[in-house]
Structures are given as C-alpha cells and as structure tokens.
C-alpha cells in the first residue's frame, strides 16, 4: 500500500513526513553536492575555456576544434543519460554514482597524457562522458527528491550548489596549478577531485530512502506487496503534452544560456579586458550560480515553478546584450556574468522540480534523463557554435544577440504548463 511508503518516510519521532527533512537528509545533500560538483555536469563546462589557450599554443588547434570536445561529450550523453536513468530506477542510485565517479576521475586523469591528436582528444571526452553519466544530476536528484517533499526546491538547490562551488574554486585552482606545473598538471588536479573528494563521501553518506529503495521497479513492487510510487511511467510521460512542451523548449534555452560560459575568457578579451582582470571576474559565475540555486530553490517551494522559471531564465537576455556590445568596463562585465550565473544556478533545479511535480517519482530518473538530454544537447552544441561564429566573424556578437532573443521567448512557454497534477500510483497521461 502507498500508505506503507508514506509511513516509512515519516519522521522517526512519529511526526509528519515533512518534519525534520534537513535533519534526516543532510548526509544526502552533502554527498550529492560533492558528487555533482566533481562530476560531468560541472568539470568540463567550467574548465574548457581555461585549457583552450594552452591547447591552442601546444597543438595549434582552433578554438572551435577544442570546444568540439564539449559537443562530443554532449553526443555521448544523449545516449548514456537515458541508459543511466533506467539503471538508477532499476538498481538504485548509490552503486551507479560510486562506479561513475571512479571511472570519471580516471578518464580525466588520462587527459594529462594528451598528444597532438584531435581523435585522441575527442575519444577521451567520449569515454569520460559515457563512464561519467552517473555523476550527472539524474542520479543525485532522484535520491534528494525521495528524502525531501515540502522543502524539495531548496534541497535540490543545495545539492546543485556543487556546480557553483566548483565554478568558484576551479579557475583560481587551475591558474595556480597550471602556472606552477603546466596544463597537464591541471588535468591531473581535476581528475583527483572525484576520486579523492567526492567518491569517499558518496560511499559513506549517500543512501536511498528506506521507504522507496525496495520499490524502485515493477518486479520489486510485486515482491514487496506494495503499490508503486505515485506518478507516470516513462511511456505514459512520453504521451503527455506537458512532457513535449518542456523537452522542446529546453533545447533553445540551454543553447542560449550555455554558449557564453565556456567562452567567457575569449569574449571578455575581445571586449578589451586584460587577463588579470578576467581572472578576478569569471569566478563570479560560480558565486552567482550558488545564489541562484539557493534563492531559486526557496522560490520554487513558495511560488508556482513555471513562473519562477520564466523570470529567472529570461533575465540573462540582458547579459547577452551587454556582452555583445563594444568595449566593456569591469563593472558591466561583472553585472552580466552575475545574471548569467544566477540563471545557470536554477536551470537544472527547475527541470528536476518540474519533473517530480508534474510526472511524479515512479519513473523519475528515466523521465528526467530525457529532459537532461534535451538541455545538455543545447548546452553541448552551443560552445562549438559560439566558437565557430567567432572564428568566422571575429566576433561573438551574432551568437550573443540571438541568445538575447531566444531566452525570454522560450522561457515564456513554461507558463502554459498549468497547475501541478495530483498524482497517484495508477495515474496515466491525460
């Protein structure tokens, strides 16, 4: 019975299942924060621009060729993410997260041995993405959603701050390591983060909730003699118009948001800022991302999520217009980066929250993994397209101005989602 699941999720003191959510769930949040921050969602995205100038000098590759590594990652994730989601729903998130963090760290370490071969460069990214798909929010948000209900938005925001914390730490860390030992040592430093920081904490702290860990698939449901979790199956979700509305608008939104971030250093150089100034400005995107996740999470818990998504994901259009202009002063550059970072801090949280509220937890990982693919596809191709446009026009302005139009128009489509449905274990798409 569903009542059994709800009872298992109640606080041990006998109070409501909402009481003490953070007291019970803080180990899950800490492990998720570190796992996401040291995983595939953050490390390539925030560091590609740092390594790009060194790879250009070392091997003579163009900026577009280097950023294509992120595109290779995205193409791989398109296949790997749905498989990972299905595995999480069937076998649980803990073993998937542990194995993926280990393999992802080893794959990153191998980049330190990179030779003058684009094929080797691309193949390494493909392997890292395939083995590291279990470090994506697909894995960790499933378990966070199990442990939190009333404070789900804030909990997701806290877990997702791992990417923002990494964004703050990684650029100064890499500048220091690369300055002392070269760019190859930078890849070694990054590869050690999932192995020595995230993996031990996930092994020690990351657990699925006892009330749902035994009912993650149909066979387990029948064996346990309980009803499945409330919500739609993946096939039911695929027949639902809300699913396709979210999936379609995620492509352009992610493209417009993600294109500028890996290219921030070249964009700011083009706008007349010097390298030391840029080094002090770009880490702000991580700080803004943290603020976006926490403030956005609070807003998701208190207000209608589609409206929150429309406002917060539409605001970076202002940043795109600023960055597309002529010479920038540092103050305007900081303002533009803060707006972009704030939106980046809420994007995956919004998708995770919408998935749980509109489709439920029955096949959460399988459904969210498809949304993640949609978002990652736009985000993955954007740096390549931005880089190619820069190579051909000697300016990022055309790509930035297109993004300024895309963001408010596509974000407005979230407003058509309507009210949250009341989901049960026997729900079907309607």
Protein backbone atom coordinates (compact mmCIF):
# COMPACT_ATOMS: atom_id res chain seq x y z
CA UNK A 1 0.00 0.00 0.00
CA UNK A 2 1.09 3.56 -0.69
CA UNK A 3 0.34 4.28 2.95
CA UNK A 4 3.17 1.95 3.87
CA UNK A 5 5.60 4.00 1.78
CA UNK A 6 4.35 7.25 3.27
CA UNK A 7 4.63 5.78 6.73
CA UNK A 8 8.20 4.69 6.10
CA UNK A 9 9.04 8.20 5.03
CA UNK A 10 7.65 9.73 8.19
CA UNK A 11 10.00 11.13 10.77
CA UNK A 12 11.17 8.55 13.30
CA UNK A 13 9.64 10.62 16.07
CA UNK A 14 6.20 9.96 14.67
CA UNK A 15 5.65 13.45 13.31
CA UNK A 16 4.69 14.27 9.74
CA UNK A 17 6.99 13.18 6.90
CA UNK A 18 7.85 16.86 6.31
CA UNK A 19 9.21 17.45 9.82
CA UNK A 20 12.98 17.27 10.17
CA UNK A 21 13.65 16.80 6.46
CA UNK A 22 17.01 18.56 6.68
CA UNK A 23 17.92 16.85 9.94
CA UNK A 24 17.49 13.45 8.31
CA UNK A 25 18.64 14.34 4.83
CA UNK A 26 21.80 16.43 5.32
CA UNK A 27 24.16 13.49 4.53
CA UNK A 28 22.34 13.02 1.21
CA UNK A 29 22.69 16.72 0.42
CA UNK A 30 26.41 16.81 1.24
CA UNK A 31 27.19 13.72 -0.81
CA UNK A 32 25.07 14.99 -3.70
CA UNK A 33 26.67 18.43 -3.59
CA UNK A 34 30.16 16.95 -3.88
CA UNK A 35 29.16 14.30 -6.41
CA UNK A 36 27.53 16.81 -8.75
CA UNK A 37 30.26 19.42 -8.25
CA UNK A 38 33.05 16.96 -9.07
CA UNK A 39 31.15 15.32 -11.90
CA UNK A 40 30.35 15.60 -15.57
CA UNK A 41 27.86 18.44 -15.17
CA UNK A 42 30.46 20.88 -13.86
CA UNK A 43 34.06 19.98 -14.65
CA UNK A 44 34.16 20.10 -18.47
CA UNK A 45 31.76 23.04 -18.68
CA UNK A 46 33.64 25.35 -16.32
CA UNK A 47 37.20 24.44 -17.31
CA UNK A 48 37.16 24.15 -21.11
CA UNK A 49 37.87 27.86 -21.53
CA UNK A 50 40.82 27.66 -19.09
CA UNK A 51 42.58 24.93 -21.03
CA UNK A 52 41.71 26.26 -24.51
CA UNK A 53 44.54 28.84 -24.83
CA UNK A 54 47.12 26.29 -23.68
CA UNK A 55 45.89 23.68 -26.16
CA UNK A 56 45.94 26.26 -28.96
CA UNK A 57 49.58 27.10 -28.21
CA UNK A 58 50.61 23.47 -27.65
CA UNK A 59 48.92 21.81 -30.63
CA UNK A 60 47.79 24.64 -32.93
CA UNK A 61 44.12 23.63 -32.73
CA UNK A 62 41.43 26.27 -33.32
CA UNK A 63 39.02 27.38 -30.63
CA UNK A 64 36.16 25.69 -32.50
CA UNK A 65 38.05 22.39 -32.62
CA UNK A 66 38.74 22.50 -28.89
CA UNK A 67 35.16 23.38 -27.96
CA UNK A 68 34.01 20.48 -30.12
CA UNK A 69 35.20 18.30 -27.25
CA UNK A 70 32.19 19.51 -25.29
CA UNK A 71 30.00 18.65 -28.25
CA UNK A 72 31.41 15.12 -28.30
CA UNK A 73 30.57 14.93 -24.61
CA UNK A 74 27.01 16.02 -25.33
CA UNK A 75 26.52 13.50 -28.13
CA UNK A 76 27.69 10.75 -25.80
CA UNK A 77 25.40 11.95 -23.01
CA UNK A 78 22.44 11.78 -25.38
CA UNK A 79 22.90 8.01 -25.39
CA UNK A 80 24.35 7.48 -21.93
CA UNK A 81 21.96 9.60 -19.85
CA UNK A 82 18.74 7.66 -20.62
CA UNK A 83 20.58 4.40 -20.00
CA UNK A 84 21.83 5.76 -16.69
CA UNK A 85 18.34 6.92 -15.74
CA UNK A 86 16.88 3.49 -16.42
CA UNK A 87 19.66 1.83 -14.41
CA UNK A 88 19.02 4.18 -11.47
CA UNK A 89 15.30 3.38 -11.47
CA UNK A 90 16.02 -0.34 -11.62
CA UNK A 91 19.09 -0.82 -9.40
CA UNK A 92 19.18 2.34 -7.30
CA UNK A 93 21.37 5.42 -7.42
CA UNK A 94 24.15 4.53 -4.98
CA UNK A 95 26.02 1.86 -6.99
CA UNK A 96 25.66 3.90 -10.17
CA UNK A 97 27.08 7.03 -8.51
CA UNK A 98 30.02 5.19 -6.93
CA UNK A 99 31.12 3.43 -10.11
CA UNK A 100 30.67 6.50 -12.27
CA UNK A 101 32.70 8.83 -10.02
CA UNK A 102 35.59 6.37 -10.04
CA UNK A 103 35.66 5.90 -13.80
CA UNK A 104 35.11 9.60 -14.49
CA UNK A 105 38.09 10.59 -12.37
CA UNK A 106 40.32 8.07 -14.13
CA UNK A 107 39.18 9.30 -17.54
CA UNK A 108 40.04 12.88 -16.59
CA UNK A 109 43.47 11.85 -15.39
CA UNK A 110 44.14 10.37 -18.83
CA UNK A 111 43.80 13.83 -20.41
CA UNK A 112 47.17 14.67 -18.83
CA UNK A 113 48.75 12.27 -21.35
CA UNK A 114 47.11 14.01 -24.31
CA UNK A 115 49.11 14.05 -27.56
CA UNK A 116 48.78 16.10 -30.73
CA UNK A 117 45.77 14.14 -31.93
CA UNK A 118 42.25 15.51 -32.12
CA UNK A 119 40.96 11.95 -32.43
CA UNK A 120 42.54 11.06 -29.09
CA UNK A 121 41.16 14.29 -27.58
CA UNK A 122 37.63 13.57 -28.78
CA UNK A 123 37.78 9.87 -27.87
CA UNK A 124 38.83 10.72 -24.32
CA UNK A 125 35.88 13.08 -23.94
CA UNK A 126 33.52 10.43 -25.27
CA UNK A 127 34.82 7.86 -22.77
CA UNK A 128 34.66 10.34 -19.89
CA UNK A 129 31.06 11.21 -20.75
CA UNK A 130 29.95 7.59 -21.13
CA UNK A 131 31.55 6.47 -17.86
CA UNK A 132 30.70 9.68 -16.03
CA UNK A 133 26.98 9.85 -16.85
CA UNK A 134 26.21 8.53 -13.37
CA UNK A 135 27.69 11.70 -11.86
CA UNK A 136 25.02 13.83 -13.52
CA UNK A 137 22.08 15.27 -11.55
CA UNK A 138 19.97 12.43 -12.96
CA UNK A 139 21.42 10.21 -10.26
CA UNK A 140 21.64 12.52 -7.28
CA UNK A 141 18.37 14.44 -7.66
CA UNK A 142 16.38 11.21 -7.66
CA UNK A 143 17.55 10.46 -4.15
CA UNK A 144 17.21 14.08 -2.98
CA UNK A 145 13.59 14.04 -4.16
CA UNK A 146 13.00 10.88 -2.14
CA UNK A 147 14.17 12.50 1.09
CA UNK A 148 12.52 15.90 0.64
CA UNK A 149 9.00 17.00 -0.21
CA UNK A 150 7.92 20.29 1.39
CA UNK A 151 11.46 21.69 1.11
CA UNK A 152 12.24 19.95 -2.16
CA UNK A 153 13.12 23.10 -4.10
CA UNK A 154 15.63 24.31 -1.52
CA UNK A 155 17.07 20.80 -1.11
CA UNK A 156 17.61 20.49 -4.85
CA UNK A 157 19.19 23.94 -4.84
CA UNK A 158 21.61 22.96 -2.07
CA UNK A 159 22.58 19.74 -3.83
CA UNK A 160 23.10 21.59 -7.09
CA UNK A 161 25.36 24.22 -5.50
CA UNK A 162 28.15 21.75 -6.14
CA UNK A 163 28.47 23.12 -9.66
CA UNK A 164 28.64 26.70 -8.40
CA UNK A 165 31.21 25.87 -5.74
CA UNK A 166 33.29 24.14 -8.37
CA UNK A 167 32.92 27.19 -10.62
CA UNK A 168 34.32 29.40 -7.86
CA UNK A 169 37.21 27.14 -6.91
CA UNK A 170 38.27 25.65 -10.23
CA UNK A 171 39.60 28.70 -12.10
CA UNK A 172 41.93 30.02 -9.36
CA UNK A 173 42.97 26.46 -8.55
CA UNK A 174 43.78 25.70 -12.17
CA UNK A 175 45.56 29.03 -12.64
CA UNK A 176 47.79 28.16 -9.67
CA UNK A 177 48.45 24.56 -10.73
CA UNK A 178 48.98 25.39 -14.40
CA UNK A 179 51.22 28.34 -13.52
CA UNK A 180 53.48 26.11 -11.44
CA UNK A 181 53.39 22.82 -13.33
CA UNK A 182 51.71 23.32 -16.71
CA UNK A 183 48.33 22.44 -18.22
CA UNK A 184 48.86 18.68 -17.95
CA UNK A 185 49.09 19.00 -14.18
CA UNK A 186 45.80 20.90 -14.35
CA UNK A 187 44.10 17.81 -15.76
CA UNK A 188 45.68 15.68 -13.02
CA UNK A 189 44.34 18.03 -10.35
CA UNK A 190 40.84 17.84 -11.82
CA UNK A 191 40.94 14.06 -12.11
CA UNK A 192 41.81 13.71 -8.44
CA UNK A 193 38.75 15.68 -7.29
CA UNK A 194 36.12 12.99 -7.99
CA UNK A 195 38.47 10.27 -6.76
CA UNK A 196 39.65 11.84 -3.51
CA UNK A 197 36.87 14.29 -2.61
CA UNK A 198 33.50 13.13 -3.96
CA UNK A 199 33.87 9.35 -4.04
CA UNK A 200 34.67 8.82 -0.34
CA UNK A 201 31.74 10.99 0.75
CA UNK A 202 29.30 9.22 -1.57
CA UNK A 203 30.46 5.84 -0.27
CA UNK A 204 29.98 6.96 3.34
CA UNK A 205 26.83 9.12 3.17
CA UNK A 206 24.77 8.51 0.02
CA UNK A 207 21.75 6.25 0.56
CA UNK A 208 18.29 5.93 -0.96
CA UNK A 209 15.39 6.38 1.44
CA UNK A 210 14.42 3.07 3.06
CA UNK A 211 10.75 3.72 2.23
CA UNK A 212 11.33 3.66 -1.51
CA UNK A 213 14.57 1.84 -2.13
CA UNK A 214 12.77 -1.50 -2.14
CA UNK A 215 10.12 -0.46 -4.65
CA UNK A 216 12.14 1.02 -7.47
CA UNK A 217 10.86 -1.30 -10.23
CA UNK A 218 7.88 -3.41 -11.10
CA UNK A 219 9.40 -6.70 -10.01
CA UNK A 220 10.38 -5.26 -6.63
CA UNK A 221 6.91 -3.77 -6.22
CA UNK A 222 5.25 -7.14 -6.73
CA UNK A 223 7.70 -8.88 -4.43
CA UNK A 224 7.26 -6.28 -1.66
CA UNK A 225 3.48 -6.34 -1.98
CA UNK A 226 3.16 -2.54 -2.13
CA UNK A 227 1.89 -0.07 -4.69
CA UNK A 228 4.41 1.67 -6.96
CA UNK A 229 5.43 5.24 -6.25
CA UNK A 230 2.97 7.96 -7.36
CA UNK A 231 3.41 9.26 -10.87
CA UNK A 232 3.65 8.32 -14.50
CA UNK A 233 5.72 5.64 -16.13
CA UNK A 234 8.14 6.75 -18.82
CA UNK A 235 5.80 5.61 -21.59
CA UNK A 236 2.89 7.48 -20.03
CA UNK A 237 5.01 10.62 -19.78
CA UNK A 238 6.02 10.31 -23.43
CA UNK A 239 2.34 10.54 -24.39
CA UNK A 240 1.77 13.67 -22.31
CA UNK A 241 1.75 17.12 -23.93
CA UNK A 242 3.48 18.68 -20.92
CA UNK A 243 6.44 16.37 -21.43
CA UNK A 244 6.93 17.50 -25.00
CA UNK A 245 6.45 21.18 -24.18
CA UNK A 246 9.25 21.02 -21.60
CA UNK A 247 11.50 18.92 -23.81
CA UNK A 248 11.18 21.18 -26.85
CA UNK A 249 11.84 24.49 -25.11
CA UNK A 250 14.86 23.15 -23.23
CA UNK A 251 16.92 22.97 -26.43
CA UNK A 252 16.99 26.69 -27.26
CA UNK A 253 17.08 27.81 -23.63
CA UNK A 254 20.12 25.69 -22.85
CA UNK A 255 21.84 26.80 -26.06
CA UNK A 256 21.37 30.47 -25.20
CA UNK A 257 22.47 30.05 -21.58
CA UNK A 258 25.45 27.79 -22.10
CA UNK A 259 27.13 29.22 -25.17
CA UNK A 260 28.80 32.12 -23.43
CA UNK A 261 30.14 30.42 -20.29
CA UNK A 262 32.97 28.26 -21.69
CA UNK A 263 33.83 31.19 -23.98
CA UNK A 264 33.81 33.86 -21.27
CA UNK A 265 37.56 34.39 -21.32
CA UNK A 266 37.71 34.94 -25.12
CA UNK A 267 34.55 37.11 -25.03
CA UNK A 268 35.97 39.39 -22.34
CA UNK A 269 39.33 39.57 -24.11
CA UNK A 270 37.51 40.68 -27.25
CA UNK A 271 35.79 43.40 -25.20
CA UNK A 272 39.09 44.91 -24.10
CA UNK A 273 39.62 43.42 -20.64
CA UNK A 274 43.07 42.17 -19.67
CA UNK A 275 43.82 38.65 -18.46
CA UNK A 276 44.38 39.50 -14.74
CA UNK A 277 41.06 41.37 -14.61
CA UNK A 278 39.27 38.50 -16.32
CA UNK A 279 40.70 36.08 -13.75
CA UNK A 280 39.04 38.09 -10.98
CA UNK A 281 35.71 38.38 -12.82
CA UNK A 282 34.95 34.92 -14.22
CA UNK A 283 34.79 33.13 -10.83
CA UNK A 284 31.76 35.31 -10.07
CA UNK A 285 29.70 33.00 -12.24
CA UNK A 286 30.13 30.26 -9.66
CA UNK A 287 29.13 32.56 -6.81
CA UNK A 288 26.06 33.74 -8.74
CA UNK A 289 25.21 30.13 -9.55
CA UNK A 290 25.16 29.27 -5.85
CA UNK A 291 22.90 32.24 -5.12
CA UNK A 292 20.64 31.23 -8.00
CA UNK A 293 20.29 27.69 -6.73
CA UNK A 294 19.50 28.66 -3.14
CA UNK A 295 17.24 31.63 -3.87
CA UNK A 296 15.65 29.80 -6.77
CA UNK A 297 15.03 26.76 -4.60
CA UNK A 298 13.27 28.89 -1.99
CA UNK A 299 11.14 30.46 -4.72
CA UNK A 300 10.22 27.05 -6.14
CA UNK A 301 8.98 25.96 -2.71
CA UNK A 302 6.83 29.08 -2.34
CA UNK A 303 5.62 30.01 -5.80
CA UNK A 304 4.40 28.35 -8.99
CA UNK A 305 7.52 26.86 -10.58
CA UNK A 306 6.74 27.74 -14.24
CA UNK A 307 6.52 31.45 -13.34
CA UNK A 308 9.81 31.24 -11.44
CA UNK A 309 11.40 29.58 -14.48
CA UNK A 310 10.09 32.25 -16.85
CA UNK A 311 11.51 35.13 -14.82
CA UNK A 312 14.86 33.68 -13.83
CA UNK A 313 15.72 32.02 -17.15
CA UNK A 314 14.66 35.07 -19.17
CA UNK A 315 16.81 37.60 -17.30
CA UNK A 316 20.19 36.65 -18.87
CA UNK A 317 18.98 38.19 -22.14
CA UNK A 318 20.23 41.43 -20.59
CA UNK A 319 23.68 39.87 -20.13
CA UNK A 320 23.82 38.75 -23.74
CA UNK A 321 23.09 42.28 -24.96
CA UNK A 322 25.78 43.71 -22.68
CA UNK A 323 28.42 41.19 -23.77
CA UNK A 324 27.55 41.73 -27.44
CA UNK A 325 28.34 45.43 -27.20
CA UNK A 326 31.64 47.21 -27.68
CA UNK A 327 34.35 47.77 -25.11
CA UNK A 328 33.29 46.69 -21.63
CA UNK A 329 34.28 48.12 -18.30
CA UNK A 330 34.81 45.61 -15.46
CA UNK A 331 31.66 46.69 -13.59
CA UNK A 332 29.36 45.93 -16.54
CA UNK A 333 31.17 42.66 -17.16
CA UNK A 334 30.57 41.64 -13.55
CA UNK A 335 26.88 42.52 -13.79
CA UNK A 336 26.46 40.48 -16.99
CA UNK A 337 28.25 37.47 -15.55
CA UNK A 338 26.24 37.59 -12.32
CA UNK A 339 22.95 37.45 -14.26
CA UNK A 340 24.11 34.51 -16.37
CA UNK A 341 25.42 32.69 -13.32
CA UNK A 342 22.18 33.22 -11.43
CA UNK A 343 20.20 31.61 -14.26
CA UNK A 344 22.68 28.76 -14.58
CA UNK A 345 22.10 28.16 -10.88
CA UNK A 346 18.42 27.41 -11.37
CA UNK A 347 18.17 25.67 -14.74
CA UNK A 348 18.66 22.01 -13.74
CA UNK A 349 16.87 22.62 -10.44
CA UNK A 350 13.80 23.83 -12.31
CA UNK A 351 13.81 20.80 -14.59
CA UNK A 352 14.24 18.40 -11.65
CA UNK A 353 11.48 20.13 -9.70
CA UNK A 354 9.07 20.20 -12.65
CA UNK A 355 9.74 16.52 -13.33
CA UNK A 356 8.89 15.50 -9.77
CA UNK A 357 5.79 17.72 -9.52
CA UNK A 358 4.25 17.10 -12.96
CA UNK A 359 5.29 13.46 -13.51
CA UNK A 360 6.00 12.08 -10.03
CA UNK A 361 8.68 9.73 -8.73
CA UNK A 362 7.57 6.43 -10.26
CA UNK A 363 9.99 6.72 -13.21
CA UNK A 364 11.71 9.95 -12.19
CA UNK A 365 15.23 9.10 -13.39
CA UNK A 366 14.05 7.79 -16.75
CA UNK A 367 11.93 10.90 -17.40
CA UNK A 368 14.42 13.40 -16.03
CA UNK A 369 17.22 11.81 -18.03
CA UNK A 370 15.37 12.62 -21.25
CA UNK A 371 14.91 16.23 -20.15
CA UNK A 372 18.57 16.30 -19.20
CA UNK A 373 19.49 15.11 -22.68
CA UNK A 374 17.42 17.91 -24.18
CA UNK A 375 19.10 20.51 -22.02
CA UNK A 376 22.56 19.01 -22.42
CA UNK A 377 22.19 18.85 -26.20
CA UNK A 378 21.60 22.57 -26.50
CA UNK A 379 24.29 23.33 -23.93
CA UNK A 380 26.77 20.98 -25.55
CA UNK A 381 26.47 22.31 -29.08
CA UNK A 382 26.40 25.96 -28.01
CA UNK A 383 30.13 26.37 -27.20
CA UNK A 384 31.03 24.86 -30.59
CA UNK A 385 28.61 27.13 -32.45
CA UNK A 386 29.79 30.18 -30.50
CA UNK A 387 33.40 29.25 -31.23
CA UNK A 388 32.76 28.69 -34.95
CA UNK A 389 30.93 32.01 -35.22
CA UNK A 390 33.87 33.71 -33.51
CA UNK A 391 36.34 32.02 -35.89
CA UNK A 392 34.38 33.14 -38.96
CA UNK A 393 33.21 36.62 -37.97
CA UNK A 394 35.93 37.53 -35.45
CA UNK A 395 33.14 38.44 -33.02
CA UNK A 396 30.80 36.69 -30.58
CA UNK A 397 28.11 39.35 -31.01
CA UNK A 398 25.87 37.48 -33.53
CA UNK A 399 25.58 34.45 -31.24
CA UNK A 400 25.02 36.60 -28.15
CA UNK A 401 22.29 38.70 -29.77
CA UNK A 402 20.48 35.57 -30.97
CA UNK A 403 20.59 34.27 -27.40
CA UNK A 404 19.11 37.55 -26.14
CA UNK A 405 16.03 36.89 -28.28
CA UNK A 406 15.74 33.18 -27.52
CA UNK A 407 15.78 33.35 -23.71
CA UNK A 408 12.66 35.42 -22.91
CA UNK A 409 10.59 33.94 -25.74
CA UNK A 410 11.24 30.29 -24.90
CA UNK A 411 11.11 30.78 -21.13
CA UNK A 412 7.59 32.18 -21.51
CA UNK A 413 6.44 28.76 -22.76
CA UNK A 414 6.75 27.37 -19.22
CA UNK A 415 3.66 29.42 -18.33
CA UNK A 416 1.48 27.05 -20.37
CA UNK A 417 2.16 24.06 -18.08
CA UNK A 418 -0.76 24.81 -15.76
CA UNK A 419 -1.33 23.58 -12.21
CA UNK A 420 0.54 20.69 -10.60
CA UNK A 421 -1.47 17.47 -11.01
CA UNK A 422 -2.48 15.27 -8.09
CA UNK A 423 -0.53 12.13 -8.89
CA UNK A 424 -1.28 8.59 -7.70
CA UNK A 425 0.33 5.24 -8.32
CA UNK A 426 -2.22 4.44 -11.03
CA UNK A 427 -2.02 7.74 -12.93
CA UNK A 428 -1.96 7.82 -16.69
CA UNK A 429 -1.27 10.66 -19.07
CA UNK A 430 -4.27 12.76 -19.92
